[in-house]
């Protein structure tokens, strides 16, 4: 039995390329779930990206969106 097998897929963040463990089948346990996004922020991000991103990139994009609103 191989105990080193991961239960979730290892993918690259679409924005920065960092390897992340995608837990789409256990979303609440996924690292990206740590970043709370409202509907407008999700829409802003989805206009430029389609795939999964690491929590750091999601947080940066959330901050970028907030900065645009302050202009």
PDB file of N, CA and C in Angstrom:
ATOM      1  N   UNK A   1       0.839  -1.177   0.000  1.00  0.00           N
ATOM      2  CA  UNK A   1       0.000   0.000   0.000  1.00  0.00           C
ATOM      3  C   UNK A   1       0.892   1.251   0.000  1.00  0.00           C
ATOM      4  N   UNK A   2       0.593   2.193  -0.883  1.00  0.00           N
ATOM      5  CA  UNK A   2       1.378   3.419  -1.007  1.00  0.00           C
ATOM      6  C   UNK A   2       0.757   4.520  -0.156  1.00  0.00           C
ATOM      7  N   UNK A   3       1.402   4.882   0.953  1.00  0.00           N
ATOM      8  CA  UNK A   3       0.874   5.900   1.852  1.00  0.00           C
ATOM      9  C   UNK A   3       1.220   7.304   1.398  1.00  0.00           C
ATOM     10  N   UNK A   4       2.020   7.462   0.348  1.00  0.00           N
ATOM     11  CA  UNK A   4       2.403   8.777  -0.141  1.00  0.00           C
ATOM     12  C   UNK A   4       1.436   9.324  -1.189  1.00  0.00           C
ATOM     13  N   UNK A   5       0.432   8.546  -1.529  1.00  0.00           N
ATOM     14  CA  UNK A   5      -0.541   8.996  -2.528  1.00  0.00           C
ATOM     15  C   UNK A   5      -1.378  10.136  -1.955  1.00  0.00           C
ATOM     16  N   UNK A   6      -1.601  11.161  -2.764  1.00  0.00           N
ATOM     17  CA  UNK A   6      -2.448  12.260  -2.324  1.00  0.00           C
ATOM     18  C   UNK A   6      -3.882  11.946  -2.713  1.00  0.00           C
ATOM     19  N   UNK A   7      -4.817  12.418  -1.913  1.00  0.00           N
ATOM     20  CA  UNK A   7      -6.225  12.211  -2.197  1.00  0.00           C
ATOM     21  C   UNK A   7      -6.746  13.236  -3.195  1.00  0.00           C
ATOM     22  N   UNK A   8      -6.022  14.334  -3.331  1.00  0.00           N
ATOM     23  CA  UNK A   8      -6.475  15.434  -4.173  1.00  0.00           C
ATOM     24  C   UNK A   8      -5.428  15.728  -5.236  1.00  0.00           C
ATOM     25  N   UNK A   9      -5.891  16.369  -6.278  1.00  0.00           N
ATOM     26  CA  UNK A   9      -5.024  16.671  -7.416  1.00  0.00           C
ATOM     27  C   UNK A   9      -4.073  17.827  -7.106  1.00  0.00           C
ATOM     28  N   UNK A  10      -2.812  17.662  -7.480  1.00  0.00           N
ATOM     29  CA  UNK A  10      -1.837  18.746  -7.375  1.00  0.00           C
ATOM     30  C   UNK A  10      -1.852  19.487  -8.711  1.00  0.00           C
ATOM     31  N   UNK A  11      -2.138  20.779  -8.651  1.00  0.00           N
ATOM     32  CA  UNK A  11      -2.224  21.595  -9.864  1.00  0.00           C
ATOM     33  C   UNK A  11      -1.370  22.841  -9.681  1.00  0.00           C
ATOM     34  N   UNK A  12      -1.230  23.611 -10.736  1.00  0.00           N
ATOM     35  CA  UNK A  12      -0.514  24.888 -10.668  1.00  0.00           C
ATOM     36  C   UNK A  12      -1.517  26.017 -10.576  1.00  0.00           C
ATOM     37  N   UNK A  13      -1.211  26.983  -9.741  1.00  0.00           N
ATOM     38  CA  UNK A  13      -2.028  28.189  -9.655  1.00  0.00           C
ATOM     39  C   UNK A  13      -2.010  28.839 -11.036  1.00  0.00           C
ATOM     40  N   UNK A  14      -3.182  29.186 -11.528  1.00  0.00           N
ATOM     41  CA  UNK A  14      -3.271  29.786 -12.866  1.00  0.00           C
ATOM     42  C   UNK A  14      -2.532  31.118 -12.952  1.00  0.00           C
ATOM     43  N   UNK A  15      -2.436  31.818 -11.856  1.00  0.00           N
ATOM     44  CA  UNK A  15      -1.832  33.155 -11.879  1.00  0.00           C
ATOM     45  C   UNK A  15      -0.331  33.138 -11.651  1.00  0.00           C
ATOM     46  N   UNK A  16       0.151  32.434 -10.613  1.00  0.00           N
ATOM     47  CA  UNK A  16       1.577  32.488 -10.274  1.00  0.00           C
ATOM     48  C   UNK A  16       2.341  31.203 -10.589  1.00  0.00           C
ATOM     49  N   UNK A  17       1.633  30.123 -10.848  1.00  0.00           N
ATOM     50  CA  UNK A  17       2.280  28.866 -11.200  1.00  0.00           C
ATOM     51  C   UNK A  17       2.680  27.997 -10.017  1.00  0.00           C
ATOM     52  N   UNK A  18       2.455  28.478  -8.799  1.00  0.00           N
ATOM     53  CA  UNK A  18       2.788  27.713  -7.590  1.00  0.00           C
ATOM     54  C   UNK A  18       1.947  26.432  -7.542  1.00  0.00           C
ATOM     55  N   UNK A  19       2.557  25.334  -7.106  1.00  0.00           N
ATOM     56  CA  UNK A  19       1.827  24.074  -6.958  1.00  0.00           C
ATOM     57  C   UNK A  19       0.900  24.155  -5.756  1.00  0.00           C
ATOM     58  N   UNK A  20      -0.348  23.766  -5.980  1.00  0.00           N
ATOM     59  CA  UNK A  20      -1.339  23.750  -4.909  1.00  0.00           C
ATOM     60  C   UNK A  20      -2.110  22.446  -4.967  1.00  0.00           C
ATOM     61  N   UNK A  21      -2.630  22.042  -3.838  1.00  0.00           N
ATOM     62  CA  UNK A  21      -3.444  20.837  -3.769  1.00  0.00           C
ATOM     63  C   UNK A  21      -4.902  21.248  -3.904  1.00  0.00           C
ATOM     64  N   UNK A  22      -5.527  20.872  -5.013  1.00  0.00           N
ATOM     65  CA  UNK A  22      -6.919  21.220  -5.273  1.00  0.00           C
ATOM     66  C   UNK A  22      -7.816  20.231  -4.539  1.00  0.00           C
ATOM     67  N   UNK A  23      -8.701  20.760  -3.730  1.00  0.00           N
ATOM     68  CA  UNK A  23      -9.647  19.925  -2.993  1.00  0.00           C
ATOM     69  C   UNK A  23     -11.072  20.300  -3.395  1.00  0.00           C
ATOM     70  N   UNK A  24     -11.316  20.314  -4.690  1.00  0.00           N
ATOM     71  CA  UNK A  24     -12.631  20.705  -5.194  1.00  0.00           C
ATOM     72  C   UNK A  24     -13.738  19.817  -4.638  1.00  0.00           C
ATOM     73  N   UNK A  25     -13.407  18.566  -4.340  1.00  0.00           N
ATOM     74  CA  UNK A  25     -14.420  17.670  -3.791  1.00  0.00           C
ATOM     75  C   UNK A  25     -14.581  17.837  -2.284  1.00  0.00           C
ATOM     76  N   UNK A  26     -13.762  18.677  -1.669  1.00  0.00           N
ATOM     77  CA  UNK A  26     -13.863  19.009  -0.243  1.00  0.00           C
ATOM     78  C   UNK A  26     -13.566  20.499  -0.111  1.00  0.00           C
ATOM     79  N   UNK A  27     -14.353  21.320  -0.782  1.00  0.00           N
ATOM     80  CA  UNK A  27     -14.074  22.733  -0.954  1.00  0.00           C
ATOM     81  C   UNK A  27     -13.794  23.454   0.354  1.00  0.00           C
ATOM     82  N   UNK A  28     -14.512  23.146   1.405  1.00  0.00           N
ATOM     83  CA  UNK A  28     -14.317  23.870   2.659  1.00  0.00           C
ATOM     84  C   UNK A  28     -12.952  23.602   3.277  1.00  0.00           C
ATOM     85  N   UNK A  29     -12.281  22.545   2.841  1.00  0.00           N
ATOM     86  CA  UNK A  29     -10.947  22.211   3.342  1.00  0.00           C
ATOM     87  C   UNK A  29      -9.842  22.679   2.405  1.00  0.00           C
ATOM     88  N   UNK A  30     -10.220  23.252   1.268  1.00  0.00           N
ATOM     89  CA  UNK A  30      -9.246  23.710   0.282  1.00  0.00           C
ATOM     90  C   UNK A  30      -8.624  25.020   0.752  1.00  0.00           C
ATOM     91  N   UNK A  31      -7.355  25.223   0.427  1.00  0.00           N
ATOM     92  CA  UNK A  31      -6.648  26.439   0.845  1.00  0.00           C
ATOM     93  C   UNK A  31      -7.299  27.697   0.299  1.00  0.00           C
ATOM     94  N   UNK A  32      -7.939  27.616  -0.849  1.00  0.00           N
ATOM     95  CA  UNK A  32      -8.558  28.817  -1.430  1.00  0.00           C
ATOM     96  C   UNK A  32      -9.795  29.260  -0.654  1.00  0.00           C
ATOM     97  N   UNK A  33     -10.399  28.360   0.103  1.00  0.00           N
ATOM     98  CA  UNK A  33     -11.591  28.702   0.883  1.00  0.00           C
ATOM     99  C   UNK A  33     -11.265  29.680   2.010  1.00  0.00           C
ATOM    100  N   UNK A  34      -9.990  29.863   2.321  1.00  0.00           N
ATOM    101  CA  UNK A  34      -9.583  30.793   3.375  1.00  0.00           C
ATOM    102  C   UNK A  34      -9.811  32.249   2.968  1.00  0.00           C
ATOM    103  N   UNK A  35      -9.939  32.499   1.671  1.00  0.00           N
ATOM    104  CA  UNK A  35     -10.147  33.864   1.164  1.00  0.00           C
ATOM    105  C   UNK A  35     -11.631  34.037   0.847  1.00  0.00           C
ATOM    106  N   UNK A  36     -12.291  34.874   1.621  1.00  0.00           N
ATOM    107  CA  UNK A  36     -13.712  35.133   1.414  1.00  0.00           C
ATOM    108  C   UNK A  36     -13.887  36.196   0.327  1.00  0.00           C
ATOM    109  N   UNK A  37     -14.627  35.855  -0.712  1.00  0.00           N
ATOM    110  CA  UNK A  37     -14.863  36.772  -1.825  1.00  0.00           C
ATOM    111  C   UNK A  37     -16.353  37.042  -1.950  1.00  0.00           C
ATOM    112  N   UNK A  38     -16.701  38.304  -2.196  1.00  0.00           N
ATOM    113  CA  UNK A  38     -18.110  38.592  -2.457  1.00  0.00           C
ATOM    114  C   UNK A  38     -18.376  38.398  -3.954  1.00  0.00           C
ATOM    115  N   UNK A  39     -19.621  38.527  -4.349  1.00  0.00           N
ATOM    116  CA  UNK A  39     -20.008  38.275  -5.734  1.00  0.00           C
ATOM    117  C   UNK A  39     -19.265  39.167  -6.725  1.00  0.00           C
ATOM    118  N   UNK A  40     -19.092  40.437  -6.391  1.00  0.00           N
ATOM    119  CA  UNK A  40     -18.388  41.365  -7.290  1.00  0.00           C
ATOM    120  C   UNK A  40     -16.924  40.981  -7.452  1.00  0.00           C
ATOM    121  N   UNK A  41     -16.293  40.549  -6.363  1.00  0.00           N
ATOM    122  CA  UNK A  41     -14.889  40.126  -6.426  1.00  0.00           C
ATOM    123  C   UNK A  41     -14.738  38.863  -7.260  1.00  0.00           C
ATOM    124  N   UNK A  42     -15.665  37.926  -7.096  1.00  0.00           N
ATOM    125  CA  UNK A  42     -15.642  36.696  -7.908  1.00  0.00           C
ATOM    126  C   UNK A  42     -15.788  37.040  -9.382  1.00  0.00           C
ATOM    127  N   UNK A  43     -16.694  37.941  -9.695  1.00  0.00           N
ATOM    128  CA  UNK A  43     -16.899  38.349 -11.081  1.00  0.00           C
ATOM    129  C   UNK A  43     -15.644  39.004 -11.647  1.00  0.00           C
ATOM    130  N   UNK A  44     -15.020  39.896 -10.881  1.00  0.00           N
ATOM    131  CA  UNK A  44     -13.795  40.574 -11.304  1.00  0.00           C
ATOM    132  C   UNK A  44     -12.703  39.555 -11.623  1.00  0.00           C
ATOM    133  N   UNK A  45     -12.514  38.588 -10.744  1.00  0.00           N
ATOM    134  CA  UNK A  45     -11.479  37.575 -10.941  1.00  0.00           C
ATOM    135  C   UNK A  45     -11.819  36.684 -12.130  1.00  0.00           C
ATOM    136  N   UNK A  46     -13.076  36.278 -12.255  1.00  0.00           N
ATOM    137  CA  UNK A  46     -13.459  35.357 -13.332  1.00  0.00           C
ATOM    138  C   UNK A  46     -13.397  35.998 -14.715  1.00  0.00           C
ATOM    139  N   UNK A  47     -13.342  37.332 -14.776  1.00  0.00           N
ATOM    140  CA  UNK A  47     -13.199  38.004 -16.072  1.00  0.00           C
ATOM    141  C   UNK A  47     -11.816  37.770 -16.673  1.00  0.00           C
ATOM    142  N   UNK A  48     -10.838  37.455 -15.818  1.00  0.00           N
ATOM    143  CA  UNK A  48      -9.472  37.280 -16.297  1.00  0.00           C
ATOM    144  C   UNK A  48      -8.893  35.882 -16.093  1.00  0.00           C
ATOM    145  N   UNK A  49      -9.518  35.088 -15.235  1.00  0.00           N
ATOM    146  CA  UNK A  49      -8.988  33.764 -14.917  1.00  0.00           C
ATOM    147  C   UNK A  49     -10.109  32.736 -14.920  1.00  0.00           C
ATOM    148  N   UNK A  50      -9.767  31.504 -15.295  1.00  0.00           N
ATOM    149  CA  UNK A  50     -10.758  30.437 -15.318  1.00  0.00           C
ATOM    150  C   UNK A  50     -10.487  29.362 -14.280  1.00  0.00           C
ATOM    151  N   UNK A  51      -9.208  29.100 -14.010  1.00  0.00           N
ATOM    152  CA  UNK A  51      -8.844  27.969 -13.179  1.00  0.00           C
ATOM    153  C   UNK A  51      -8.657  28.306 -11.721  1.00  0.00           C
ATOM    154  N   UNK A  52      -8.160  27.333 -11.007  1.00  0.00           N
ATOM    155  CA  UNK A  52      -7.897  27.481  -9.572  1.00  0.00           C
ATOM    156  C   UNK A  52      -6.678  28.365  -9.336  1.00  0.00           C
ATOM    157  N   UNK A  53      -6.719  29.045  -8.202  1.00  0.00           N
ATOM    158  CA  UNK A  53      -5.592  29.878  -7.794  1.00  0.00           C
ATOM    159  C   UNK A  53      -5.279  29.638  -6.336  1.00  0.00           C
ATOM    160  N   UNK A  54      -4.042  29.934  -5.973  1.00  0.00           N
ATOM    161  CA  UNK A  54      -3.640  29.809  -4.574  1.00  0.00           C
ATOM    162  C   UNK A  54      -4.290  30.934  -3.774  1.00  0.00           C
ATOM    163  N   UNK A  55      -4.350  30.731  -2.473  1.00  0.00           N
ATOM    164  CA  UNK A  55      -4.968  31.723  -1.588  1.00  0.00           C
ATOM    165  C   UNK A  55      -4.254  33.070  -1.672  1.00  0.00           C
ATOM    166  N   UNK A  56      -2.930  33.050  -1.817  1.00  0.00           N
ATOM    167  CA  UNK A  56      -2.175  34.302  -1.897  1.00  0.00           C
ATOM    168  C   UNK A  56      -2.599  35.125  -3.110  1.00  0.00           C
ATOM    169  N   UNK A  57      -2.756  34.473  -4.259  1.00  0.00           N
ATOM    170  CA  UNK A  57      -3.176  35.197  -5.466  1.00  0.00           C
ATOM    171  C   UNK A  57      -4.608  35.696  -5.334  1.00  0.00           C
ATOM    172  N   UNK A  58      -5.484  34.886  -4.753  1.00  0.00           N
ATOM    173  CA  UNK A  58      -6.862  35.332  -4.554  1.00  0.00           C
ATOM    174  C   UNK A  58      -6.906  36.558  -3.657  1.00  0.00           C
ATOM    175  N   UNK A  59      -6.105  36.565  -2.611  1.00  0.00           N
ATOM    176  CA  UNK A  59      -6.058  37.710  -1.709  1.00  0.00           C
ATOM    177  C   UNK A  59      -5.515  38.948  -2.424  1.00  0.00           C
ATOM    178  N   UNK A  60      -4.487  38.778  -3.246  1.00  0.00           N
ATOM    179  CA  UNK A  60      -3.937  39.900  -4.007  1.00  0.00           C
ATOM    180  C   UNK A  60      -4.969  40.465  -4.976  1.00  0.00           C
ATOM    181  N   UNK A  61      -5.712  39.583  -5.642  1.00  0.00           N
ATOM    182  CA  UNK A  61      -6.729  40.041  -6.580  1.00  0.00           C
ATOM    183  C   UNK A  61      -7.888  40.721  -5.861  1.00  0.00           C
ATOM    184  N   UNK A  62      -8.231  40.241  -4.671  1.00  0.00           N
ATOM    185  CA  UNK A  62      -9.261  40.885  -3.861  1.00  0.00           C
ATOM    186  C   UNK A  62      -8.814  42.307  -3.518  1.00  0.00           C
ATOM    187  N   UNK A  63      -7.561  42.454  -3.104  1.00  0.00           N
ATOM    188  CA  UNK A  63      -7.017  43.770  -2.764  1.00  0.00           C
ATOM    189  C   UNK A  63      -6.942  44.677  -3.992  1.00  0.00           C
ATOM    190  N   UNK A  64      -6.584  44.096  -5.142  1.00  0.00           N
ATOM    191  CA  UNK A  64      -6.525  44.850  -6.400  1.00  0.00           C
ATOM    192  C   UNK A  64      -7.916  45.396  -6.740  1.00  0.00           C
ATOM    193  N   UNK A  65      -8.931  44.572  -6.586  1.00  0.00           N
ATOM    194  CA  UNK A  65     -10.300  44.992  -6.867  1.00  0.00           C
ATOM    195  C   UNK A  65     -10.725  46.129  -5.935  1.00  0.00           C
ATOM    196  N   UNK A  66     -10.394  45.995  -4.651  1.00  0.00           N
ATOM    197  CA  UNK A  66     -10.733  47.031  -3.691  1.00  0.00           C
ATOM    198  C   UNK A  66     -10.034  48.354  -4.027  1.00  0.00           C
ATOM    199  N   UNK A  67      -8.789  48.276  -4.497  1.00  0.00           N
ATOM    200  CA  UNK A  67      -8.052  49.478  -4.887  1.00  0.00           C
ATOM    201  C   UNK A  67      -8.714  50.154  -6.092  1.00  0.00           C
ATOM    202  N   UNK A  68      -9.232  49.367  -7.022  1.00  0.00           N
ATOM    203  CA  UNK A  68      -9.924  49.929  -8.189  1.00  0.00           C
ATOM    204  C   UNK A  68     -11.182  50.682  -7.774  1.00  0.00           C
ATOM    205  N   UNK A  69     -11.855  50.172  -6.767  1.00  0.00           N
ATOM    206  CA  UNK A  69     -13.081  50.834  -6.304  1.00  0.00           C
ATOM    207  C   UNK A  69     -12.786  52.185  -5.670  1.00  0.00           C
ATOM    208  N   UNK A  70     -11.596  52.343  -5.111  1.00  0.00           N
ATOM    209  CA  UNK A  70     -11.232  53.582  -4.409  1.00  0.00           C
ATOM    210  C   UNK A  70     -10.770  54.677  -5.363  1.00  0.00           C
ATOM    211  N   UNK A  71     -10.591  54.344  -6.618  1.00  0.00           N
ATOM    212  CA  UNK A  71     -10.135  55.343  -7.597  1.00  0.00           C
ATOM    213  C   UNK A  71     -11.176  56.365  -7.872  1.00  0.00           C
TER     214      UNK A  71
END
